[in-house]
Amino acid sequence: MTVEHDFLVGLSKSFGLFYLIALSIAVLIYTFWPSNKRRFDRAAQSILDGEDKPWR
């Protein structure tokens, strides 16, 4: 049984496509999960807080 190069290329491209789609869905679910809202809001505001003055 021989596996041709074209078959392996097609298989790897298909696997890569489905892998990236699944990873994108996982990132979107993590981002919009309700319990993460407070963490992301705090991170967005933390850059504005504190001693943000020019160095002397």
N, C-alpha and C. Protein backbone atom coordinates (compact mmCIF):
# COMPACT_ATOMS: atom_id res chain seq x y z
N MET A 1 0.85 -1.17 0.00
CA MET A 1 0.00 0.00 0.00
C MET A 1 0.90 1.24 0.00
N THR A 2 0.72 2.06 -1.00
CA THR A 2 1.48 3.30 -1.09
C THR A 2 0.54 4.49 -0.91
N VAL A 3 1.03 5.44 -0.19
CA VAL A 3 0.28 6.68 0.02
C VAL A 3 0.90 7.74 -0.86
N GLU A 4 0.08 8.32 -1.70
CA GLU A 4 0.60 9.31 -2.62
C GLU A 4 0.76 10.67 -1.94
N HIS A 5 1.66 11.44 -2.49
CA HIS A 5 1.96 12.76 -1.95
C HIS A 5 0.73 13.67 -1.97
N ASP A 6 -0.02 13.64 -3.06
CA ASP A 6 -1.20 14.51 -3.18
C ASP A 6 -2.24 14.19 -2.11
N PHE A 7 -2.39 12.92 -1.78
CA PHE A 7 -3.34 12.52 -0.73
C PHE A 7 -2.90 13.08 0.61
N LEU A 8 -1.62 12.98 0.93
CA LEU A 8 -1.12 13.49 2.20
C LEU A 8 -1.22 15.01 2.28
N VAL A 9 -0.97 15.70 1.19
CA VAL A 9 -1.10 17.15 1.17
C VAL A 9 -2.55 17.56 1.39
N GLY A 10 -3.47 16.90 0.72
CA GLY A 10 -4.89 17.20 0.90
C GLY A 10 -5.36 16.91 2.31
N LEU A 11 -4.89 15.80 2.88
CA LEU A 11 -5.26 15.44 4.24
C LEU A 11 -4.72 16.46 5.24
N SER A 12 -3.49 16.88 5.07
CA SER A 12 -2.91 17.85 6.00
C SER A 12 -3.57 19.22 5.87
N LYS A 13 -3.93 19.61 4.66
CA LYS A 13 -4.63 20.89 4.48
C LYS A 13 -6.01 20.84 5.11
N SER A 14 -6.71 19.73 4.96
CA SER A 14 -8.04 19.60 5.57
C SER A 14 -7.94 19.59 7.08
N PHE A 15 -6.98 18.85 7.62
CA PHE A 15 -6.81 18.81 9.07
C PHE A 15 -6.45 20.19 9.60
N GLY A 16 -5.58 20.90 8.91
CA GLY A 16 -5.20 22.24 9.33
C GLY A 16 -6.37 23.20 9.30
N LEU A 17 -7.21 23.10 8.28
CA LEU A 17 -8.38 23.95 8.18
C LEU A 17 -9.32 23.72 9.35
N PHE A 18 -9.64 22.45 9.63
CA PHE A 18 -10.55 22.15 10.73
C PHE A 18 -9.94 22.48 12.08
N TYR A 19 -8.62 22.34 12.20
CA TYR A 19 -7.93 22.70 13.43
C TYR A 19 -8.04 24.20 13.69
N LEU A 20 -7.81 25.02 12.67
CA LEU A 20 -7.90 26.46 12.85
C LEU A 20 -9.32 26.93 13.09
N ILE A 21 -10.29 26.29 12.45
CA ILE A 21 -11.70 26.63 12.71
C ILE A 21 -12.06 26.31 14.15
N ALA A 22 -11.67 25.13 14.64
CA ALA A 22 -11.96 24.75 16.02
C ALA A 22 -11.25 25.67 17.02
N LEU A 23 -10.01 26.04 16.72
CA LEU A 23 -9.28 26.95 17.60
C LEU A 23 -9.94 28.32 17.63
N SER A 24 -10.40 28.81 16.50
CA SER A 24 -11.08 30.11 16.45
C SER A 24 -12.38 30.09 17.24
N ILE A 25 -13.12 29.01 17.13
CA ILE A 25 -14.37 28.89 17.89
C ILE A 25 -14.07 28.84 19.38
N ALA A 26 -13.02 28.12 19.77
CA ALA A 26 -12.66 28.04 21.19
C ALA A 26 -12.25 29.41 21.73
N VAL A 27 -11.52 30.19 20.95
CA VAL A 27 -11.12 31.53 21.39
C VAL A 27 -12.33 32.43 21.51
N LEU A 28 -13.25 32.36 20.58
CA LEU A 28 -14.46 33.17 20.66
C LEU A 28 -15.32 32.80 21.87
N ILE A 29 -15.43 31.51 22.15
CA ILE A 29 -16.19 31.08 23.32
C ILE A 29 -15.53 31.60 24.59
N TYR A 30 -14.21 31.49 24.68
CA TYR A 30 -13.50 31.99 25.85
C TYR A 30 -13.68 33.50 26.01
N THR A 31 -13.61 34.22 24.89
CA THR A 31 -13.71 35.67 24.93
C THR A 31 -15.08 36.14 25.39
N PHE A 32 -16.12 35.51 24.91
CA PHE A 32 -17.47 35.97 25.21
C PHE A 32 -18.13 35.20 26.35
N TRP A 33 -17.38 34.38 27.08
CA TRP A 33 -17.94 33.66 28.23
C TRP A 33 -18.29 34.69 29.31
N PRO A 34 -19.48 34.64 29.87
CA PRO A 34 -19.92 35.69 30.80
C PRO A 34 -19.02 35.87 32.02
N SER A 35 -18.43 34.83 32.53
CA SER A 35 -17.62 34.98 33.74
C SER A 35 -16.28 35.67 33.47
N ASN A 36 -15.89 35.82 32.22
CA ASN A 36 -14.63 36.50 31.88
C ASN A 36 -14.80 37.99 31.67
N LYS A 37 -16.04 38.49 31.69
CA LYS A 37 -16.29 39.90 31.42
C LYS A 37 -15.58 40.79 32.42
N ARG A 38 -15.65 40.47 33.70
CA ARG A 38 -15.02 41.30 34.73
C ARG A 38 -13.50 41.36 34.53
N ARG A 39 -12.91 40.22 34.20
CA ARG A 39 -11.46 40.17 33.99
C ARG A 39 -11.03 41.03 32.80
N PHE A 40 -11.78 40.97 31.71
CA PHE A 40 -11.44 41.75 30.53
C PHE A 40 -11.69 43.24 30.76
N ASP A 41 -12.77 43.58 31.48
CA ASP A 41 -13.02 44.99 31.79
C ASP A 41 -11.92 45.56 32.68
N ARG A 42 -11.48 44.79 33.66
CA ARG A 42 -10.40 45.24 34.55
C ARG A 42 -9.10 45.42 33.76
N ALA A 43 -8.82 44.53 32.84
CA ALA A 43 -7.61 44.64 32.02
C ALA A 43 -7.69 45.86 31.10
N ALA A 44 -8.86 46.16 30.60
CA ALA A 44 -9.01 47.31 29.72
C ALA A 44 -8.83 48.62 30.48
N GLN A 45 -9.26 48.66 31.73
CA GLN A 45 -9.15 49.88 32.52
C GLN A 45 -7.80 50.00 33.23
N SER A 46 -7.11 48.90 33.45
CA SER A 46 -5.87 48.95 34.22
C SER A 46 -4.77 49.74 33.52
N ILE A 47 -4.82 49.82 32.22
CA ILE A 47 -3.80 50.57 31.50
C ILE A 47 -3.97 52.07 31.74
N LEU A 48 -5.17 52.48 32.14
CA LEU A 48 -5.45 53.90 32.38
C LEU A 48 -5.21 54.29 33.83
N ASP A 49 -5.13 53.32 34.74
CA ASP A 49 -4.97 53.58 36.16
C ASP A 49 -3.51 53.76 36.53
N GLY A 50 -3.31 54.26 37.73
CA GLY A 50 -1.98 54.29 38.29
C GLY A 50 -1.17 55.52 37.95
N GLU A 51 0.09 55.41 38.17
CA GLU A 51 1.03 56.50 37.97
C GLU A 51 1.45 56.59 36.52
N ASP A 52 0.66 57.20 35.72
CA ASP A 52 0.96 57.35 34.30
C ASP A 52 1.44 58.76 34.04
N LYS A 53 2.67 59.03 34.45
CA LYS A 53 3.25 60.36 34.29
C LYS A 53 4.56 60.24 33.53
N PRO A 54 4.99 61.32 32.92
CA PRO A 54 6.28 61.28 32.22
C PRO A 54 7.42 61.03 33.21
N TRP A 55 8.46 60.40 32.74
CA TRP A 55 9.62 60.09 33.57
C TRP A 55 10.47 61.34 33.73
N ARG A 56 10.98 61.57 34.93
CA ARG A 56 11.79 62.76 35.17
C ARG A 56 13.22 62.38 35.41
